[in-house]
Amino acid sequence: MLAQLLSSSARLVADLPDAVRLIARLRWLMLAAGLVLLLLCAASGLSLPWLLLLQALATLAGFNFILGRNVTRHGSPLLMLRLGLLATCWR
């Protein structure tokens, strides 16, 4: 089965735009989950470096927005996937 998966590169290339779209959606969901967690921490009175945390969320949201616009306009899905993963790992 693994050899079959590795030999079917045409299917993997065809699935690449869908993978980019699904990963972008997953990134937005994770940002929303992080924001909800921050709101719960704030409601419980937890003392955290709020400005830094909000800055990190805003930076990731900016990357997601820019990458999403580039994919819809003109961009190779593979390049957008690589840039998105780089932005996620970079933070």
PDB file of N, CA and C in Angstrom:
ATOM      1  N   MET A   1       0.822  -1.186   0.000  1.00  0.00           N
ATOM      2  CA  MET A   1       0.000   0.000   0.000  1.00  0.00           C
ATOM      3  C   MET A   1       0.875   1.262   0.000  1.00  0.00           C
ATOM      4  N   LEU A   2       1.973   1.219   0.752  1.00  0.00           N
ATOM      5  CA  LEU A   2       2.868   2.370   0.795  1.00  0.00           C
ATOM      6  C   LEU A   2       3.502   2.622  -0.568  1.00  0.00           C
ATOM      7  N   ALA A   3       3.892   1.547  -1.262  1.00  0.00           N
ATOM      8  CA  ALA A   3       4.474   1.707  -2.601  1.00  0.00           C
ATOM      9  C   ALA A   3       3.451   2.298  -3.559  1.00  0.00           C
ATOM     10  N   GLN A   4       2.207   1.908  -3.397  1.00  0.00           N
ATOM     11  CA  GLN A   4       1.151   2.449  -4.250  1.00  0.00           C
ATOM     12  C   GLN A   4       0.958   3.945  -3.991  1.00  0.00           C
ATOM     13  N   LEU A   5       1.036   4.332  -2.728  1.00  0.00           N
ATOM     14  CA  LEU A   5       0.896   5.744  -2.389  1.00  0.00           C
ATOM     15  C   LEU A   5       2.052   6.565  -2.952  1.00  0.00           C
ATOM     16  N   LEU A   6       3.257   6.019  -2.848  1.00  0.00           N
ATOM     17  CA  LEU A   6       4.429   6.746  -3.337  1.00  0.00           C
ATOM     18  C   LEU A   6       4.465   6.805  -4.857  1.00  0.00           C
ATOM     19  N   SER A   7       3.894   5.825  -5.526  1.00  0.00           N
ATOM     20  CA  SER A   7       3.927   5.825  -6.985  1.00  0.00           C
ATOM     21  C   SER A   7       2.823   6.684  -7.594  1.00  0.00           C
ATOM     22  N   SER A   8       1.825   7.027  -6.823  1.00  0.00           N
ATOM     23  CA  SER A   8       0.716   7.810  -7.377  1.00  0.00           C
ATOM     24  C   SER A   8       0.942   9.299  -7.124  1.00  0.00           C
ATOM     25  N   SER A   9       1.989   9.834  -7.728  1.00  0.00           N
ATOM     26  CA  SER A   9       2.309  11.242  -7.517  1.00  0.00           C
ATOM     27  C   SER A   9       1.293  12.154  -8.187  1.00  0.00           C
ATOM     28  N   ALA A  10       0.633  11.695  -9.232  1.00  0.00           N
ATOM     29  CA  ALA A  10      -0.371  12.528  -9.894  1.00  0.00           C
ATOM     30  C   ALA A  10      -1.530  12.817  -8.943  1.00  0.00           C
ATOM     31  N   ARG A  11      -1.912  11.855  -8.153  1.00  0.00           N
ATOM     32  CA  ARG A  11      -2.996  12.062  -7.199  1.00  0.00           C
ATOM     33  C   ARG A  11      -2.568  13.038  -6.114  1.00  0.00           C
ATOM     34  N   LEU A  12      -1.331  12.925  -5.659  1.00  0.00           N
ATOM     35  CA  LEU A  12      -0.846  13.839  -4.643  1.00  0.00           C
ATOM     36  C   LEU A  12      -0.793  15.266  -5.165  1.00  0.00           C
ATOM     37  N   VAL A  13      -0.408  15.455  -6.399  1.00  0.00           N
ATOM     38  CA  VAL A  13      -0.367  16.786  -6.984  1.00  0.00           C
ATOM     39  C   VAL A  13      -1.778  17.337  -7.158  1.00  0.00           C
ATOM     40  N   ALA A  14      -2.712  16.481  -7.533  1.00  0.00           N
ATOM     41  CA  ALA A  14      -4.092  16.923  -7.710  1.00  0.00           C
ATOM     42  C   ALA A  14      -4.721  17.308  -6.377  1.00  0.00           C
ATOM     43  N   ASP A  15      -4.298  16.681  -5.294  1.00  0.00           N
ATOM     44  CA  ASP A  15      -4.848  16.969  -3.975  1.00  0.00           C
ATOM     45  C   ASP A  15      -4.180  18.165  -3.298  1.00  0.00           C
ATOM     46  N   LEU A  16      -3.144  18.701  -3.885  1.00  0.00           N
ATOM     47  CA  LEU A  16      -2.390  19.782  -3.260  1.00  0.00           C
ATOM     48  C   LEU A  16      -3.231  21.039  -3.004  1.00  0.00           C
ATOM     49  N   PRO A  17      -4.026  21.533  -3.948  1.00  0.00           N
ATOM     50  CA  PRO A  17      -4.850  22.715  -3.640  1.00  0.00           C
ATOM     51  C   PRO A  17      -5.837  22.462  -2.504  1.00  0.00           C
ATOM     52  N   ASP A  18      -6.390  21.252  -2.458  1.00  0.00           N
ATOM     53  CA  ASP A  18      -7.295  20.923  -1.358  1.00  0.00           C
ATOM     54  C   ASP A  18      -6.551  20.891  -0.024  1.00  0.00           C
ATOM     55  N   ALA A  19      -5.338  20.370  -0.044  1.00  0.00           N
ATOM     56  CA  ALA A  19      -4.543  20.318   1.184  1.00  0.00           C
ATOM     57  C   ALA A  19      -4.220  21.720   1.673  1.00  0.00           C
ATOM     58  N   VAL A  20      -3.875  22.616   0.759  1.00  0.00           N
ATOM     59  CA  VAL A  20      -3.580  23.996   1.136  1.00  0.00           C
ATOM     60  C   VAL A  20      -4.810  24.652   1.738  1.00  0.00           C
ATOM     61  N   ARG A  21      -5.970  24.427   1.123  1.00  0.00           N
ATOM     62  CA  ARG A  21      -7.218  25.010   1.625  1.00  0.00           C
ATOM     63  C   ARG A  21      -7.570  24.467   3.006  1.00  0.00           C
ATOM     64  N   LEU A  22      -7.414  23.152   3.188  1.00  0.00           N
ATOM     65  CA  LEU A  22      -7.745  22.552   4.482  1.00  0.00           C
ATOM     66  C   LEU A  22      -6.776  22.974   5.579  1.00  0.00           C
ATOM     67  N   ILE A  23      -5.509  23.098   5.247  1.00  0.00           N
ATOM     68  CA  ILE A  23      -4.531  23.541   6.249  1.00  0.00           C
ATOM     69  C   ILE A  23      -4.762  24.995   6.619  1.00  0.00           C
ATOM     70  N   ALA A  24      -5.147  25.815   5.644  1.00  0.00           N
ATOM     71  CA  ALA A  24      -5.466  27.210   5.955  1.00  0.00           C
ATOM     72  C   ALA A  24      -6.676  27.287   6.888  1.00  0.00           C
ATOM     73  N   ARG A  25      -7.674  26.472   6.633  1.00  0.00           N
ATOM     74  CA  ARG A  25      -8.847  26.439   7.512  1.00  0.00           C
ATOM     75  C   ARG A  25      -8.459  25.966   8.909  1.00  0.00           C
ATOM     76  N   LEU A  26      -7.573  24.972   8.975  1.00  0.00           N
ATOM     77  CA  LEU A  26      -7.116  24.483  10.271  1.00  0.00           C
ATOM     78  C   LEU A  26      -6.361  25.561  11.035  1.00  0.00           C
ATOM     79  N   ARG A  27      -5.552  26.351  10.317  1.00  0.00           N
ATOM     80  CA  ARG A  27      -4.829  27.440  10.981  1.00  0.00           C
ATOM     81  C   ARG A  27      -5.782  28.469  11.567  1.00  0.00           C
ATOM     82  N   TRP A  28      -6.841  28.826  10.822  1.00  0.00           N
ATOM     83  CA  TRP A  28      -7.820  29.783  11.347  1.00  0.00           C
ATOM     84  C   TRP A  28      -8.551  29.209  12.558  1.00  0.00           C
ATOM     85  N   LEU A  29      -8.863  27.916  12.513  1.00  0.00           N
ATOM     86  CA  LEU A  29      -9.530  27.297  13.663  1.00  0.00           C
ATOM     87  C   LEU A  29      -8.624  27.277  14.893  1.00  0.00           C
ATOM     88  N   MET A  30      -7.346  27.024  14.687  1.00  0.00           N
ATOM     89  CA  MET A  30      -6.409  27.021  15.810  1.00  0.00           C
ATOM     90  C   MET A  30      -6.243  28.428  16.389  1.00  0.00           C
ATOM     91  N   LEU A  31      -6.244  29.447  15.533  1.00  0.00           N
ATOM     92  CA  LEU A  31      -6.184  30.824  16.034  1.00  0.00           C
ATOM     93  C   LEU A  31      -7.432  31.157  16.847  1.00  0.00           C
ATOM     94  N   ALA A  32      -8.576  30.711  16.367  1.00  0.00           N
ATOM     95  CA  ALA A  32      -9.819  30.947  17.111  1.00  0.00           C
ATOM     96  C   ALA A  32      -9.783  30.221  18.457  1.00  0.00           C
ATOM     97  N   ALA A  33      -9.264  29.011  18.472  1.00  0.00           N
ATOM     98  CA  ALA A  33      -9.150  28.274  19.737  1.00  0.00           C
ATOM     99  C   ALA A  33      -8.193  28.989  20.694  1.00  0.00           C
ATOM    100  N   GLY A  34      -7.103  29.525  20.170  1.00  0.00           N
ATOM    101  CA  GLY A  34      -6.173  30.283  21.011  1.00  0.00           C
ATOM    102  C   GLY A  34      -6.809  31.535  21.580  1.00  0.00           C
ATOM    103  N   LEU A  35      -7.609  32.206  20.776  1.00  0.00           N
ATOM    104  CA  LEU A  35      -8.298  33.410  21.244  1.00  0.00           C
ATOM    105  C   LEU A  35      -9.319  33.068  22.323  1.00  0.00           C
ATOM    106  N   VAL A  36     -10.053  31.986  22.133  1.00  0.00           N
ATOM    107  CA  VAL A  36     -11.016  31.557  23.155  1.00  0.00           C
ATOM    108  C   VAL A  36     -10.293  31.207  24.450  1.00  0.00           C
ATOM    109  N   LEU A  37      -9.165  30.534  24.334  1.00  0.00           N
ATOM    110  CA  LEU A  37      -8.382  30.189  25.526  1.00  0.00           C
ATOM    111  C   LEU A  37      -7.889  31.444  26.243  1.00  0.00           C
ATOM    112  N   LEU A  38      -7.444  32.438  25.478  1.00  0.00           N
ATOM    113  CA  LEU A  38      -7.016  33.698  26.099  1.00  0.00           C
ATOM    114  C   LEU A  38      -8.176  34.396  26.788  1.00  0.00           C
ATOM    115  N   LEU A  39      -9.352  34.372  26.177  1.00  0.00           N
ATOM    116  CA  LEU A  39     -10.526  34.981  26.800  1.00  0.00           C
ATOM    117  C   LEU A  39     -10.901  34.268  28.097  1.00  0.00           C
ATOM    118  N   LEU A  40     -10.797  32.958  28.105  1.00  0.00           N
ATOM    119  CA  LEU A  40     -11.076  32.203  29.331  1.00  0.00           C
ATOM    120  C   LEU A  40     -10.050  32.512  30.417  1.00  0.00           C
ATOM    121  N   CYS A  41      -8.799  32.655  30.030  1.00  0.00           N
ATOM    122  CA  CYS A  41      -7.756  33.012  31.003  1.00  0.00           C
ATOM    123  C   CYS A  41      -8.001  34.405  31.567  1.00  0.00           C
ATOM    124  N   ALA A  42      -8.416  35.326  30.702  1.00  0.00           N
ATOM    125  CA  ALA A  42      -8.691  36.691  31.162  1.00  0.00           C
ATOM    126  C   ALA A  42      -9.899  36.701  32.098  1.00  0.00           C
ATOM    127  N   ALA A  43     -10.911  35.906  31.787  1.00  0.00           N
ATOM    128  CA  ALA A  43     -12.109  35.856  32.622  1.00  0.00           C
ATOM    129  C   ALA A  43     -11.816  35.249  33.994  1.00  0.00           C
ATOM    130  N   SER A  44     -10.841  34.352  34.045  1.00  0.00           N
ATOM    131  CA  SER A  44     -10.500  33.740  35.331  1.00  0.00           C
ATOM    132  C   SER A  44      -9.530  34.596  36.143  1.00  0.00           C
ATOM    133  N   GLY A  45      -9.044  35.692  35.567  1.00  0.00           N
ATOM    134  CA  GLY A  45      -8.165  36.594  36.296  1.00  0.00           C
ATOM    135  C   GLY A  45      -6.700  36.201  36.261  1.00  0.00           C
ATOM    136  N   LEU A  46      -6.332  35.367  35.342  1.00  0.00           N
ATOM    137  CA  LEU A  46      -4.947  34.917  35.231  1.00  0.00           C
ATOM    138  C   LEU A  46      -4.070  36.060  34.716  1.00  0.00           C
ATOM    139  N   SER A  47      -2.914  36.207  35.304  1.00  0.00           N
ATOM    140  CA  SER A  47      -1.993  37.276  34.901  1.00  0.00           C
ATOM    141  C   SER A  47      -1.008  36.730  33.874  1.00  0.00           C
ATOM    142  N   LEU A  48      -1.121  37.238  32.655  1.00  0.00           N
ATOM    143  CA  LEU A  48      -0.261  36.815  31.557  1.00  0.00           C
ATOM    144  C   LEU A  48       0.240  38.043  30.808  1.00  0.00           C
ATOM    145  N   PRO A  49       1.292  37.901  30.000  1.00  0.00           N
ATOM    146  CA  PRO A  49       1.735  39.028  29.170  1.00  0.00           C
ATOM    147  C   PRO A  49       0.773  39.210  27.984  1.00  0.00           C
ATOM    148  N   TRP A  50      -0.339  39.874  28.254  1.00  0.00           N
ATOM    149  CA  TRP A  50      -1.440  39.957  27.291  1.00  0.00           C
ATOM    150  C   TRP A  50      -1.030  40.608  25.982  1.00  0.00           C
ATOM    151  N   LEU A  51      -0.252  41.657  26.056  1.00  0.00           N
ATOM    152  CA  LEU A  51       0.130  42.354  24.829  1.00  0.00           C
ATOM    153  C   LEU A  51       0.944  41.451  23.906  1.00  0.00           C
ATOM    154  N   LEU A  52       1.865  40.700  24.460  1.00  0.00           N
ATOM    155  CA  LEU A  52       2.674  39.792  23.649  1.00  0.00           C
ATOM    156  C   LEU A  52       1.835  38.667  23.055  1.00  0.00           C
ATOM    157  N   LEU A  53       0.907  38.147  23.833  1.00  0.00           N
ATOM    158  CA  LEU A  53       0.057  37.073  23.328  1.00  0.00           C
ATOM    159  C   LEU A  53      -0.866  37.561  22.209  1.00  0.00           C
ATOM    160  N   LEU A  54      -1.433  38.739  22.393  1.00  0.00           N
ATOM    161  CA  LEU A  54      -2.284  39.299  21.339  1.00  0.00           C
ATOM    162  C   LEU A  54      -1.469  39.640  20.095  1.00  0.00           C
ATOM    163  N   GLN A  55      -0.233  40.093  20.288  1.00  0.00           N
ATOM    164  CA  GLN A  55       0.636  40.382  19.151  1.00  0.00           C
ATOM    165  C   GLN A  55       0.952  39.108  18.371  1.00  0.00           C
ATOM    166  N   ALA A  56       1.197  38.021  19.073  1.00  0.00           N
ATOM    167  CA  ALA A  56       1.475  36.748  18.405  1.00  0.00           C
ATOM    168  C   ALA A  56       0.260  36.280  17.607  1.00  0.00           C
ATOM    169  N   LEU A  57      -0.922  36.381  18.193  1.00  0.00           N
ATOM    170  CA  LEU A  57      -2.130  35.981  17.471  1.00  0.00           C
ATOM    171  C   LEU A  57      -2.379  36.884  16.262  1.00  0.00           C
ATOM    172  N   ALA A  58      -2.146  38.175  16.423  1.00  0.00           N
ATOM    173  CA  ALA A  58      -2.343  39.095  15.303  1.00  0.00           C
ATOM    174  C   ALA A  58      -1.346  38.835  14.179  1.00  0.00           C
ATOM    175  N   THR A  59      -0.109  38.502  14.529  1.00  0.00           N
ATOM    176  CA  THR A  59       0.900  38.196  13.512  1.00  0.00           C
ATOM    177  C   THR A  59       0.509  36.958  12.721  1.00  0.00           C
ATOM    178  N   LEU A  60       0.079  35.917  13.421  1.00  0.00           N
ATOM    179  CA  LEU A  60      -0.340  34.702  12.727  1.00  0.00           C
ATOM    180  C   LEU A  60      -1.590  34.936  11.890  1.00  0.00           C
ATOM    181  N   ALA A  61      -2.506  35.747  12.386  1.00  0.00           N
ATOM    182  CA  ALA A  61      -3.698  36.067  11.597  1.00  0.00           C
ATOM    183  C   ALA A  61      -3.303  36.838  10.336  1.00  0.00           C
ATOM    184  N   GLY A  62      -2.337  37.739  10.451  1.00  0.00           N
ATOM    185  CA  GLY A  62      -1.853  38.463   9.278  1.00  0.00           C
ATOM    186  C   GLY A  62      -1.226  37.537   8.254  1.00  0.00           C
ATOM    187  N   PHE A  63      -0.400  36.593   8.706  1.00  0.00           N
ATOM    188  CA  PHE A  63       0.176  35.614   7.792  1.00  0.00           C
ATOM    189  C   PHE A  63      -0.918  34.799   7.109  1.00  0.00           C
ATOM    190  N   ASN A  64      -1.907  34.358   7.873  1.00  0.00           N
ATOM    191  CA  ASN A  64      -2.994  33.577   7.284  1.00  0.00           C
ATOM    192  C   ASN A  64      -3.751  34.380   6.243  1.00  0.00           C
ATOM    193  N   PHE A  65      -4.013  35.644   6.527  1.00  0.00           N
ATOM    194  CA  PHE A  65      -4.751  36.480   5.596  1.00  0.00           C
ATOM    195  C   PHE A  65      -3.968  36.692   4.304  1.00  0.00           C
ATOM    196  N   ILE A  66      -2.681  37.011   4.445  1.00  0.00           N
ATOM    197  CA  ILE A  66      -1.845  37.257   3.263  1.00  0.00           C
ATOM    198  C   ILE A  66      -1.686  35.987   2.433  1.00  0.00           C
ATOM    199  N   LEU A  67      -1.451  34.853   3.088  1.00  0.00           N
ATOM    200  CA  LEU A  67      -1.299  33.603   2.342  1.00  0.00           C
ATOM    201  C   LEU A  67      -2.600  33.219   1.656  1.00  0.00           C
ATOM    202  N   GLY A  68      -3.728  33.447   2.307  1.00  0.00           N
ATOM    203  CA  GLY A  68      -5.015  33.133   1.698  1.00  0.00           C
ATOM    204  C   GLY A  68      -5.285  33.968   0.465  1.00  0.00           C
ATOM    205  N   ARG A  69      -4.921  35.229   0.517  1.00  0.00           N
ATOM    206  CA  ARG A  69      -5.126  36.100  -0.651  1.00  0.00           C
ATOM    207  C   ARG A  69      -4.203  35.710  -1.794  1.00  0.00           C
ATOM    208  N   ASN A  70      -2.971  35.324  -1.487  1.00  0.00           N
ATOM    209  CA  ASN A  70      -2.031  34.952  -2.542  1.00  0.00           C
ATOM    210  C   ASN A  70      -2.428  33.653  -3.228  1.00  0.00           C
ATOM    211  N   VAL A  71      -3.002  32.734  -2.485  1.00  0.00           N
ATOM    212  CA  VAL A  71      -3.420  31.474  -3.101  1.00  0.00           C
ATOM    213  C   VAL A  71      -4.569  31.720  -4.067  1.00  0.00           C
ATOM    214  N   THR A  72      -5.510  32.576  -3.667  1.00  0.00           N
ATOM    215  CA  THR A  72      -6.652  32.810  -4.548  1.00  0.00           C
ATOM    216  C   THR A  72      -6.268  33.661  -5.750  1.00  0.00           C
ATOM    217  N   ARG A  73      -5.319  34.542  -5.610  1.00  0.00           N
ATOM    218  CA  ARG A  73      -4.922  35.404  -6.730  1.00  0.00           C
ATOM    219  C   ARG A  73      -4.018  34.674  -7.705  1.00  0.00           C
ATOM    220  N   HIS A  74      -2.868  34.354  -7.259  1.00  0.00           N
ATOM    221  CA  HIS A  74      -1.846  33.786  -8.136  1.00  0.00           C
ATOM    222  C   HIS A  74      -0.806  33.107  -7.279  1.00  0.00           C
ATOM    223  N   GLY A  75      -0.756  31.989  -7.110  1.00  0.00           N
ATOM    224  CA  GLY A  75       0.309  31.413  -6.324  1.00  0.00           C
ATOM    225  C   GLY A  75       0.279  29.924  -6.484  1.00  0.00           C
ATOM    226  N   SER A  76       1.429  29.390  -6.528  1.00  0.00           N
ATOM    227  CA  SER A  76       1.490  27.947  -6.606  1.00  0.00           C
ATOM    228  C   SER A  76       1.084  27.389  -5.253  1.00  0.00           C
ATOM    229  N   PRO A  77       0.210  26.414  -5.234  1.00  0.00           N
ATOM    230  CA  PRO A  77      -0.233  25.853  -3.960  1.00  0.00           C
ATOM    231  C   PRO A  77       0.922  25.304  -3.119  1.00  0.00           C
ATOM    232  N   LEU A  78       1.917  24.724  -3.783  1.00  0.00           N
ATOM    233  CA  LEU A  78       3.047  24.175  -3.038  1.00  0.00           C
ATOM    234  C   LEU A  78       3.828  25.286  -2.349  1.00  0.00           C
ATOM    235  N   LEU A  79       4.038  26.397  -3.029  1.00  0.00           N
ATOM    236  CA  LEU A  79       4.747  27.520  -2.424  1.00  0.00           C
ATOM    237  C   LEU A  79       3.958  28.083  -1.244  1.00  0.00           C
ATOM    238  N   MET A  80       2.656  28.215  -1.395  1.00  0.00           N
ATOM    239  CA  MET A  80       1.825  28.737  -0.309  1.00  0.00           C
ATOM    240  C   MET A  80       1.821  27.785   0.882  1.00  0.00           C
ATOM    241  N   LEU A  81       1.825  26.482   0.600  1.00  0.00           N
ATOM    242  CA  LEU A  81       1.888  25.497   1.679  1.00  0.00           C
ATOM    243  C   LEU A  81       3.215  25.609   2.418  1.00  0.00           C
ATOM    244  N   ARG A  82       4.296  25.747   1.685  1.00  0.00           N
ATOM    245  CA  ARG A  82       5.613  25.884   2.320  1.00  0.00           C
ATOM    246  C   ARG A  82       5.707  27.168   3.146  1.00  0.00           C
ATOM    247  N   LEU A  83       5.208  28.279   2.602  1.00  0.00           N
ATOM    248  CA  LEU A  83       5.254  29.539   3.339  1.00  0.00           C
ATOM    249  C   LEU A  83       4.381  29.484   4.588  1.00  0.00           C
ATOM    250  N   GLY A  84       3.234  28.854   4.478  1.00  0.00           N
ATOM    251  CA  GLY A  84       2.359  28.722   5.641  1.00  0.00           C
ATOM    252  C   GLY A  84       2.987  27.881   6.739  1.00  0.00           C
ATOM    253  N   LEU A  85       3.626  26.794   6.358  1.00  0.00           N
ATOM    254  CA  LEU A  85       4.293  25.964   7.361  1.00  0.00           C
ATOM    255  C   LEU A  85       5.497  26.677   7.950  1.00  0.00           C
ATOM    256  N   LEU A  86       6.195  27.460   7.133  1.00  0.00           N
ATOM    257  CA  LEU A  86       7.329  28.235   7.640  1.00  0.00           C
ATOM    258  C   LEU A  86       6.844  29.270   8.644  1.00  0.00           C
ATOM    259  N   ALA A  87       5.745  29.950   8.347  1.00  0.00           N
ATOM    260  CA  ALA A  87       5.206  30.949   9.269  1.00  0.00           C
ATOM    261  C   ALA A  87       4.770  30.308  10.579  1.00  0.00           C
ATOM    262  N   THR A  88       4.203  29.120  10.493  1.00  0.00           N
ATOM    263  CA  THR A  88       3.766  28.431  11.711  1.00  0.00           C
ATOM    264  C   THR A  88       4.962  28.007  12.546  1.00  0.00           C
ATOM    265  N   CYS A  89       6.009  27.497  11.908  1.00  0.00           N
ATOM    266  CA  CYS A  89       7.191  27.046  12.639  1.00  0.00           C
ATOM    267  C   CYS A  89       8.018  28.215  13.146  1.00  0.00           C
ATOM    268  N   TRP A  90       7.985  29.327  12.421  1.00  0.00           N
ATOM    269  CA  TRP A  90       8.795  30.478  12.763  1.00  0.00           C
ATOM    270  C   TRP A  90       8.329  31.102  14.070  1.00  0.00           C
ATOM    271  N   ARG A  91       7.048  31.119  14.298  1.00  0.00           N
ATOM    272  CA  ARG A  91       6.514  31.753  15.493  1.00  0.00           C
ATOM    273  C   ARG A  91       6.905  30.913  16.663  1.00  0.00           C
TER     274      ARG A  91
END
